[in-house]
Structures are given as C-alpha cells and as structure tokens.
Amino acid sequence: MTPENRAAYWRANLRLVACCMLVWFLCSYVCGILFVDELNRIRIGGFKLGFWFAQQGSIYVFVALIFFYAWRMNRIDQKYDVHED
C-alpha cells in the first residue's frame, strides 16, 4: 500500500468515526439532556420522548452505530484493498 493510499484510508476511517460520534452525541446529549423538555411533550408508548432518549434511545442508537460502522468499514477496506478474505 502506498503512503498516499494509507493516508486516504486513515482519513476515511477518521471521517467515519467522527460522523458516528456526532450522531451518538446528538442523540444522547442533545436529545437526552438539552432538548428533554421539548421532547417530553411527545409520547411514545406512554413514555415521554425525552425520557426515552435518555434511558433507551441513546443505547439503541449506539448499538445501531456499531453495526453501521462495521458495515461501512468493510466497504472502506474493500475500496483500499485491505479487506480480509
């Protein structure tokens, strides 16, 4: 692998991690803490949406992000020819 490809692969990996962290931050901190009062006006299954984000939603989003990260990294690995056979 050339140094340019290595650098591009690393940038793609860091960009993916940063995007996943941003989504998780928005879901857990912004929706679960900052906008909790506004979100509590909406109910899902009898529970206030702000409470749901703080207690369950951020966990579900985190698990979904794990699967998304693995899927995207497999595609990035194939693009830069560092995938496992």
PDB file of N, CA and C in Angstrom:
ATOM      1  N   MET A   1       0.851  -1.175   0.000  1.00  0.00           N
ATOM      2  CA  MET A   1       0.000   0.000   0.000  1.00  0.00           C
ATOM      3  C   MET A   1       0.900   1.242   0.000  1.00  0.00           C
ATOM      4  N   THR A   2       0.594   2.155  -0.868  1.00  0.00           N
ATOM      5  CA  THR A   2       1.390   3.378  -0.974  1.00  0.00           C
ATOM      6  C   THR A   2       1.079   4.312   0.196  1.00  0.00           C
ATOM      7  N   PRO A   3       1.993   5.207   0.500  1.00  0.00           N
ATOM      8  CA  PRO A   3       1.727   6.165   1.594  1.00  0.00           C
ATOM      9  C   PRO A   3       0.481   7.026   1.346  1.00  0.00           C
ATOM     10  N   GLU A   4       0.204   7.342   0.087  1.00  0.00           N
ATOM     11  CA  GLU A   4      -0.981   8.138  -0.227  1.00  0.00           C
ATOM     12  C   GLU A   4      -2.258   7.348   0.071  1.00  0.00           C
ATOM     13  N   ASN A   5      -2.252   6.058  -0.316  1.00  0.00           N
ATOM     14  CA  ASN A   5      -3.409   5.212  -0.034  1.00  0.00           C
ATOM     15  C   ASN A   5      -3.595   5.015   1.466  1.00  0.00           C
ATOM     16  N   ARG A   6      -2.481   4.852   2.187  1.00  0.00           N
ATOM     17  CA  ARG A   6      -2.560   4.713   3.638  1.00  0.00           C
ATOM     18  C   ARG A   6      -3.184   5.942   4.276  1.00  0.00           C
ATOM     19  N   ALA A   7      -2.755   7.102   3.831  1.00  0.00           N
ATOM     20  CA  ALA A   7      -3.292   8.351   4.370  1.00  0.00           C
ATOM     21  C   ALA A   7      -4.777   8.504   4.021  1.00  0.00           C
ATOM     22  N   ALA A   8      -5.146   8.151   2.804  1.00  0.00           N
ATOM     23  CA  ALA A   8      -6.554   8.246   2.394  1.00  0.00           C
ATOM     24  C   ALA A   8      -7.414   7.261   3.186  1.00  0.00           C
ATOM     25  N   TYR A   9      -6.899   6.057   3.407  1.00  0.00           N
ATOM     26  CA  TYR A   9      -7.624   5.059   4.196  1.00  0.00           C
ATOM     27  C   TYR A   9      -7.834   5.556   5.628  1.00  0.00           C
ATOM     28  N   TRP A  10      -6.791   6.125   6.216  1.00  0.00           N
ATOM     29  CA  TRP A  10      -6.885   6.627   7.574  1.00  0.00           C
ATOM     30  C   TRP A  10      -7.862   7.799   7.657  1.00  0.00           C
ATOM     31  N   ARG A  11      -7.837   8.689   6.661  1.00  0.00           N
ATOM     32  CA  ARG A  11      -8.790   9.807   6.643  1.00  0.00           C
ATOM     33  C   ARG A  11     -10.218   9.301   6.545  1.00  0.00           C
ATOM     34  N   ALA A  12     -10.454   8.300   5.710  1.00  0.00           N
ATOM     35  CA  ALA A  12     -11.800   7.734   5.579  1.00  0.00           C
ATOM     36  C   ALA A  12     -12.252   7.112   6.891  1.00  0.00           C
ATOM     37  N   ASN A  13     -11.347   6.427   7.572  1.00  0.00           N
ATOM     38  CA  ASN A  13     -11.663   5.820   8.855  1.00  0.00           C
ATOM     39  C   ASN A  13     -11.985   6.896   9.895  1.00  0.00           C
ATOM     40  N   LEU A  14     -11.168   7.931   9.975  1.00  0.00           N
ATOM     41  CA  LEU A  14     -11.410   9.002  10.945  1.00  0.00           C
ATOM     42  C   LEU A  14     -12.700   9.765  10.647  1.00  0.00           C
ATOM     43  N   ARG A  15     -12.991   9.967   9.378  1.00  0.00           N
ATOM     44  CA  ARG A  15     -14.224  10.646   8.999  1.00  0.00           C
ATOM     45  C   ARG A  15     -15.438   9.824   9.422  1.00  0.00           C
ATOM     46  N   LEU A  16     -15.377   8.512   9.230  1.00  0.00           N
ATOM     47  CA  LEU A  16     -16.467   7.636   9.639  1.00  0.00           C
ATOM     48  C   LEU A  16     -16.637   7.643  11.157  1.00  0.00           C
ATOM     49  N   VAL A  17     -15.544   7.567  11.895  1.00  0.00           N
ATOM     50  CA  VAL A  17     -15.614   7.598  13.360  1.00  0.00           C
ATOM     51  C   VAL A  17     -16.194   8.928  13.831  1.00  0.00           C
ATOM     52  N   ALA A  18     -15.757  10.020  13.235  1.00  0.00           N
ATOM     53  CA  ALA A  18     -16.261  11.341  13.633  1.00  0.00           C
ATOM     54  C   ALA A  18     -17.762  11.461  13.367  1.00  0.00           C
ATOM     55  N   CYS A  19     -18.216  10.956  12.240  1.00  0.00           N
ATOM     56  CA  CYS A  19     -19.655  11.007  11.935  1.00  0.00           C
ATOM     57  C   CYS A  19     -20.457  10.165  12.918  1.00  0.00           C
ATOM     58  N   CYS A  20     -19.959   8.982  13.227  1.00  0.00           N
ATOM     59  CA  CYS A  20     -20.661   8.121  14.192  1.00  0.00           C
ATOM     60  C   CYS A  20     -20.698   8.758  15.566  1.00  0.00           C
ATOM     61  N   MET A  21     -19.593   9.358  15.981  1.00  0.00           N
ATOM     62  CA  MET A  21     -19.556  10.028  17.285  1.00  0.00           C
ATOM     63  C   MET A  21     -20.497  11.226  17.315  1.00  0.00           C
ATOM     64  N   LEU A  22     -20.601  11.946  16.208  1.00  0.00           N
ATOM     65  CA  LEU A  22     -21.512  13.086  16.145  1.00  0.00           C
ATOM     66  C   LEU A  22     -22.961  12.641  16.287  1.00  0.00           C
ATOM     67  N   VAL A  23     -23.334  11.572  15.590  1.00  0.00           N
ATOM     68  CA  VAL A  23     -24.701  11.056  15.695  1.00  0.00           C
ATOM     69  C   VAL A  23     -24.993  10.615  17.124  1.00  0.00           C
ATOM     70  N   TRP A  24     -24.049   9.911  17.725  1.00  0.00           N
ATOM     71  CA  TRP A  24     -24.251   9.442  19.098  1.00  0.00           C
ATOM     72  C   TRP A  24     -24.344  10.619  20.064  1.00  0.00           C
ATOM     73  N   PHE A  25     -23.508  11.646  19.888  1.00  0.00           N
ATOM     74  CA  PHE A  25     -23.555  12.834  20.729  1.00  0.00           C
ATOM     75  C   PHE A  25     -24.895  13.541  20.595  1.00  0.00           C
ATOM     76  N   LEU A  26     -25.355  13.708  19.366  1.00  0.00           N
ATOM     77  CA  LEU A  26     -26.634  14.380  19.151  1.00  0.00           C
ATOM     78  C   LEU A  26     -27.778  13.618  19.808  1.00  0.00           C
ATOM     79  N   CYS A  27     -27.753  12.315  19.682  1.00  0.00           N
ATOM     80  CA  CYS A  27     -28.831  11.513  20.250  1.00  0.00           C
ATOM     81  C   CYS A  27     -28.768  11.475  21.771  1.00  0.00           C
ATOM     82  N   SER A  28     -27.592  11.232  22.327  1.00  0.00           N
ATOM     83  CA  SER A  28     -27.503  11.043  23.772  1.00  0.00           C
ATOM     84  C   SER A  28     -27.471  12.361  24.534  1.00  0.00           C
ATOM     85  N   TYR A  29     -26.693  13.326  24.101  1.00  0.00           N
ATOM     86  CA  TYR A  29     -26.547  14.570  24.856  1.00  0.00           C
ATOM     87  C   TYR A  29     -27.597  15.604  24.467  1.00  0.00           C
ATOM     88  N   VAL A  30     -27.697  15.876  23.177  1.00  0.00           N
ATOM     89  CA  VAL A  30     -28.606  16.937  22.733  1.00  0.00           C
ATOM     90  C   VAL A  30     -30.059  16.530  22.947  1.00  0.00           C
ATOM     91  N   CYS A  31     -30.448  15.347  22.459  1.00  0.00           N
ATOM     92  CA  CYS A  31     -31.846  14.923  22.605  1.00  0.00           C
ATOM     93  C   CYS A  31     -32.149  14.463  24.024  1.00  0.00           C
ATOM     94  N   GLY A  32     -31.189  13.839  24.703  1.00  0.00           N
ATOM     95  CA  GLY A  32     -31.440  13.293  26.027  1.00  0.00           C
ATOM     96  C   GLY A  32     -31.289  14.281  27.157  1.00  0.00           C
ATOM     97  N   ILE A  33     -30.574  15.396  26.925  1.00  0.00           N
ATOM     98  CA  ILE A  33     -30.343  16.355  28.008  1.00  0.00           C
ATOM     99  C   ILE A  33     -30.791  17.766  27.629  1.00  0.00           C
ATOM    100  N   LEU A  34     -30.294  18.304  26.523  1.00  0.00           N
ATOM    101  CA  LEU A  34     -30.570  19.697  26.193  1.00  0.00           C
ATOM    102  C   LEU A  34     -32.015  19.939  25.759  1.00  0.00           C
ATOM    103  N   PHE A  35     -32.561  19.068  24.932  1.00  0.00           N
ATOM    104  CA  PHE A  35     -33.917  19.260  24.422  1.00  0.00           C
ATOM    105  C   PHE A  35     -34.942  18.380  25.122  1.00  0.00           C
ATOM    106  N   VAL A  36     -34.620  17.931  26.334  1.00  0.00           N
ATOM    107  CA  VAL A  36     -35.501  16.992  27.014  1.00  0.00           C
ATOM    108  C   VAL A  36     -36.876  17.595  27.287  1.00  0.00           C
ATOM    109  N   ASP A  37     -36.943  18.859  27.647  1.00  0.00           N
ATOM    110  CA  ASP A  37     -38.245  19.471  27.945  1.00  0.00           C
ATOM    111  C   ASP A  37     -39.124  19.549  26.707  1.00  0.00           C
ATOM    112  N   GLU A  38     -38.534  19.920  25.579  1.00  0.00           N
ATOM    113  CA  GLU A  38     -39.306  19.992  24.338  1.00  0.00           C
ATOM    114  C   GLU A  38     -39.734  18.604  23.875  1.00  0.00           C
ATOM    115  N   LEU A  39     -38.830  17.631  23.998  1.00  0.00           N
ATOM    116  CA  LEU A  39     -39.147  16.273  23.558  1.00  0.00           C
ATOM    117  C   LEU A  39     -40.134  15.576  24.487  1.00  0.00           C
ATOM    118  N   ASN A  40     -40.196  15.998  25.739  1.00  0.00           N
ATOM    119  CA  ASN A  40     -41.126  15.373  26.680  1.00  0.00           C
ATOM    120  C   ASN A  40     -42.584  15.674  26.349  1.00  0.00           C
ATOM    121  N   ARG A  41     -42.827  16.616  25.486  1.00  0.00           N
ATOM    122  CA  ARG A  41     -44.200  16.916  25.055  1.00  0.00           C
ATOM    123  C   ARG A  41     -44.741  15.825  24.132  1.00  0.00           C
ATOM    124  N   ILE A  42     -43.847  15.040  23.546  1.00  0.00           N
ATOM    125  CA  ILE A  42     -44.224  13.947  22.638  1.00  0.00           C
ATOM    126  C   ILE A  42     -44.137  12.640  23.416  1.00  0.00           C
ATOM    127  N   ARG A  43     -45.121  11.783  23.237  1.00  0.00           N
ATOM    128  CA  ARG A  43     -45.130  10.495  23.943  1.00  0.00           C
ATOM    129  C   ARG A  43     -45.027   9.341  22.944  1.00  0.00           C
ATOM    130  N   ILE A  44     -44.258   8.337  23.328  1.00  0.00           N
ATOM    131  CA  ILE A  44     -44.122   7.102  22.554  1.00  0.00           C
ATOM    132  C   ILE A  44     -44.396   5.944  23.506  1.00  0.00           C
ATOM    133  N   GLY A  45     -45.425   5.198  23.227  1.00  0.00           N
ATOM    134  CA  GLY A  45     -45.761   4.054  24.068  1.00  0.00           C
ATOM    135  C   GLY A  45     -46.059   4.433  25.504  1.00  0.00           C
ATOM    136  N   GLY A  46     -46.583   5.617  25.719  1.00  0.00           N
ATOM    137  CA  GLY A  46     -46.906   6.067  27.058  1.00  0.00           C
ATOM    138  C   GLY A  46     -45.760   6.749  27.782  1.00  0.00           C
ATOM    139  N   PHE A  47     -44.570   6.757  27.193  1.00  0.00           N
ATOM    140  CA  PHE A  47     -43.421   7.388  27.832  1.00  0.00           C
ATOM    141  C   PHE A  47     -43.080   8.682  27.109  1.00  0.00           C
ATOM    142  N   LYS A  48     -42.577   9.648  27.850  1.00  0.00           N
ATOM    143  CA  LYS A  48     -42.159  10.909  27.249  1.00  0.00           C
ATOM    144  C   LYS A  48     -40.920  10.660  26.385  1.00  0.00           C
ATOM    145  N   LEU A  49     -40.878  11.318  25.220  1.00  0.00           N
ATOM    146  CA  LEU A  49     -39.797  11.089  24.265  1.00  0.00           C
ATOM    147  C   LEU A  49     -38.436  11.485  24.829  1.00  0.00           C
ATOM    148  N   GLY A  50     -38.362  12.565  25.595  1.00  0.00           N
ATOM    149  CA  GLY A  50     -37.094  12.967  26.214  1.00  0.00           C
ATOM    150  C   GLY A  50     -36.579  11.910  27.170  1.00  0.00           C
ATOM    151  N   PHE A  51     -37.470  11.350  27.965  1.00  0.00           N
ATOM    152  CA  PHE A  51     -37.102  10.267  28.875  1.00  0.00           C
ATOM    153  C   PHE A  51     -36.632   9.055  28.082  1.00  0.00           C
ATOM    154  N   TRP A  52     -37.336   8.750  26.995  1.00  0.00           N
ATOM    155  CA  TRP A  52     -36.973   7.594  26.173  1.00  0.00           C
ATOM    156  C   TRP A  52     -35.570   7.755  25.602  1.00  0.00           C
ATOM    157  N   PHE A  53     -35.258   8.955  25.079  1.00  0.00           N
ATOM    158  CA  PHE A  53     -33.920   9.185  24.536  1.00  0.00           C
ATOM    159  C   PHE A  53     -32.859   9.034  25.617  1.00  0.00           C
ATOM    160  N   ALA A  54     -33.123   9.552  26.799  1.00  0.00           N
ATOM    161  CA  ALA A  54     -32.136   9.482  27.868  1.00  0.00           C
ATOM    162  C   ALA A  54     -31.949   8.060  28.372  1.00  0.00           C
ATOM    163  N   GLN A  55     -33.009   7.267  28.428  1.00  0.00           N
ATOM    164  CA  GLN A  55     -32.916   5.934  29.014  1.00  0.00           C
ATOM    165  C   GLN A  55     -32.691   4.826  27.997  1.00  0.00           C
ATOM    166  N   GLN A  56     -33.308   4.887  26.846  1.00  0.00           N
ATOM    167  CA  GLN A  56     -33.251   3.789  25.885  1.00  0.00           C
ATOM    168  C   GLN A  56     -32.697   4.201  24.528  1.00  0.00           C
ATOM    169  N   GLY A  57     -33.102   5.343  24.058  1.00  0.00           N
ATOM    170  CA  GLY A  57     -32.776   5.741  22.684  1.00  0.00           C
ATOM    171  C   GLY A  57     -31.298   5.811  22.395  1.00  0.00           C
ATOM    172  N   SER A  58     -30.521   6.386  23.316  1.00  0.00           N
ATOM    173  CA  SER A  58     -29.089   6.505  23.062  1.00  0.00           C
ATOM    174  C   SER A  58     -28.424   5.131  23.027  1.00  0.00           C
ATOM    175  N   ILE A  59     -28.935   4.181  23.803  1.00  0.00           N
ATOM    176  CA  ILE A  59     -28.384   2.827  23.782  1.00  0.00           C
ATOM    177  C   ILE A  59     -28.687   2.161  22.440  1.00  0.00           C
ATOM    178  N   TYR A  60     -29.931   2.278  21.977  1.00  0.00           N
ATOM    179  CA  TYR A  60     -30.300   1.693  20.684  1.00  0.00           C
ATOM    180  C   TYR A  60     -29.499   2.313  19.543  1.00  0.00           C
ATOM    181  N   VAL A  61     -29.322   3.619  19.602  1.00  0.00           N
ATOM    182  CA  VAL A  61     -28.544   4.299  18.558  1.00  0.00           C
ATOM    183  C   VAL A  61     -27.097   3.825  18.600  1.00  0.00           C
ATOM    184  N   PHE A  62     -26.536   3.656  19.790  1.00  0.00           N
ATOM    185  CA  PHE A  62     -25.166   3.184  19.907  1.00  0.00           C
ATOM    186  C   PHE A  62     -25.003   1.796  19.295  1.00  0.00           C
ATOM    187  N   VAL A  63     -25.917   0.887  19.580  1.00  0.00           N
ATOM    188  CA  VAL A  63     -25.845  -0.462  19.018  1.00  0.00           C
ATOM    189  C   VAL A  63     -25.995  -0.417  17.496  1.00  0.00           C
ATOM    190  N   ALA A  64     -26.913   0.409  17.002  1.00  0.00           N
ATOM    191  CA  ALA A  64     -27.081   0.558  15.556  1.00  0.00           C
ATOM    192  C   ALA A  64     -25.814   1.131  14.919  1.00  0.00           C
ATOM    193  N   LEU A  65     -25.161   2.068  15.600  1.00  0.00           N
ATOM    194  CA  LEU A  65     -23.928   2.647  15.074  1.00  0.00           C
ATOM    195  C   LEU A  65     -22.799   1.623  15.015  1.00  0.00           C
ATOM    196  N   ILE A  66     -22.771   0.678  15.936  1.00  0.00           N
ATOM    197  CA  ILE A  66     -21.758  -0.372  15.886  1.00  0.00           C
ATOM    198  C   ILE A  66     -21.898  -1.177  14.597  1.00  0.00           C
ATOM    199  N   PHE A  67     -23.141  -1.579  14.284  1.00  0.00           N
ATOM    200  CA  PHE A  67     -23.370  -2.345  13.058  1.00  0.00           C
ATOM    201  C   PHE A  67     -23.105  -1.499  11.817  1.00  0.00           C
ATOM    202  N   PHE A  68     -23.500  -0.226  11.845  1.00  0.00           N
ATOM    203  CA  PHE A  68     -23.240   0.670  10.723  1.00  0.00           C
ATOM    204  C   PHE A  68     -21.738   0.850  10.507  1.00  0.00           C
ATOM    205  N   TYR A  69     -20.996   1.039  11.600  1.00  0.00           N
ATOM    206  CA  TYR A  69     -19.547   1.215  11.496  1.00  0.00           C
ATOM    207  C   TYR A  69     -18.891  -0.027  10.884  1.00  0.00           C
ATOM    208  N   ALA A  70     -19.285  -1.201  11.334  1.00  0.00           N
ATOM    209  CA  ALA A  70     -18.708  -2.438  10.796  1.00  0.00           C
ATOM    210  C   ALA A  70     -19.020  -2.587   9.317  1.00  0.00           C
ATOM    211  N   TRP A  71     -20.250  -2.275   8.921  1.00  0.00           N
ATOM    212  CA  TRP A  71     -20.647  -2.368   7.511  1.00  0.00           C
ATOM    213  C   TRP A  71     -19.842  -1.392   6.648  1.00  0.00           C
ATOM    214  N   ARG A  72     -19.740  -0.130   7.117  1.00  0.00           N
ATOM    215  CA  ARG A  72     -19.005   0.879   6.341  1.00  0.00           C
ATOM    216  C   ARG A  72     -17.508   0.584   6.289  1.00  0.00           C
ATOM    217  N   MET A  73     -16.939   0.098   7.396  1.00  0.00           N
ATOM    218  CA  MET A  73     -15.508  -0.218   7.399  1.00  0.00           C
ATOM    219  C   MET A  73     -15.211  -1.364   6.449  1.00  0.00           C
ATOM    220  N   ASN A  74     -16.111  -2.323   6.338  1.00  0.00           N
ATOM    221  CA  ASN A  74     -15.914  -3.394   5.359  1.00  0.00           C
ATOM    222  C   ASN A  74     -15.859  -2.829   3.948  1.00  0.00           C
ATOM    223  N   ARG A  75     -16.725  -1.875   3.659  1.00  0.00           N
ATOM    224  CA  ARG A  75     -16.709  -1.260   2.320  1.00  0.00           C
ATOM    225  C   ARG A  75     -15.446  -0.436   2.105  1.00  0.00           C
ATOM    226  N   ILE A  76     -15.014   0.290   3.140  1.00  0.00           N
ATOM    227  CA  ILE A  76     -13.782   1.077   3.031  1.00  0.00           C
ATOM    228  C   ILE A  76     -12.582   0.147   2.873  1.00  0.00           C
ATOM    229  N   ASP A  77     -12.563  -0.956   3.621  1.00  0.00           N
ATOM    230  CA  ASP A  77     -11.479  -1.933   3.485  1.00  0.00           C
ATOM    231  C   ASP A  77     -11.408  -2.481   2.072  1.00  0.00           C
ATOM    232  N   GLN A  78     -12.557  -2.781   1.475  1.00  0.00           N
ATOM    233  CA  GLN A  78     -12.566  -3.292   0.111  1.00  0.00           C
ATOM    234  C   GLN A  78     -12.096  -2.227  -0.880  1.00  0.00           C
ATOM    235  N   LYS A  79     -12.485  -0.995  -0.646  1.00  0.00           N
ATOM    236  CA  LYS A  79     -12.087   0.089  -1.537  1.00  0.00           C
ATOM    237  C   LYS A  79     -10.566   0.261  -1.561  1.00  0.00           C
ATOM    238  N   TYR A  80      -9.928   0.141  -0.404  1.00  0.00           N
ATOM    239  CA  TYR A  80      -8.482   0.325  -0.327  1.00  0.00           C
ATOM    240  C   TYR A  80      -7.725  -1.005  -0.336  1.00  0.00           C
ATOM    241  N   ASP A  81      -8.418  -2.092  -0.636  1.00  0.00           N
ATOM    242  CA  ASP A  81      -7.836  -3.416  -0.788  1.00  0.00           C
ATOM    243  C   ASP A  81      -7.064  -3.866   0.453  1.00  0.00           C
ATOM    244  N   VAL A  82      -7.698  -3.682   1.612  1.00  0.00           N
ATOM    245  CA  VAL A  82      -7.119  -4.184   2.871  1.00  0.00           C
ATOM    246  C   VAL A  82      -8.115  -5.100   3.566  1.00  0.00           C
ATOM    247  N   HIS A  83      -9.092  -5.590   2.807  1.00  0.00           N
ATOM    248  CA  HIS A  83     -10.132  -6.437   3.400  1.00  0.00           C
ATOM    249  C   HIS A  83      -9.609  -7.842   3.664  1.00  0.00           C
ATOM    250  N   GLU A  84     -10.318  -8.503   4.581  1.00  0.00           N
ATOM    251  CA  GLU A  84      -9.978  -9.888   4.890  1.00  0.00           C
ATOM    252  C   GLU A  84     -10.683 -10.793   3.912  1.00  0.00           C
ATOM    253  N   ASP A  85     -10.034 -11.847   3.499  1.00  0.00           N
ATOM    254  CA  ASP A  85     -10.650 -12.770   2.545  1.00  0.00           C
ATOM    255  C   ASP A  85     -11.443 -13.830   3.241  1.00  0.00           C
TER     256      ASP A  85
END
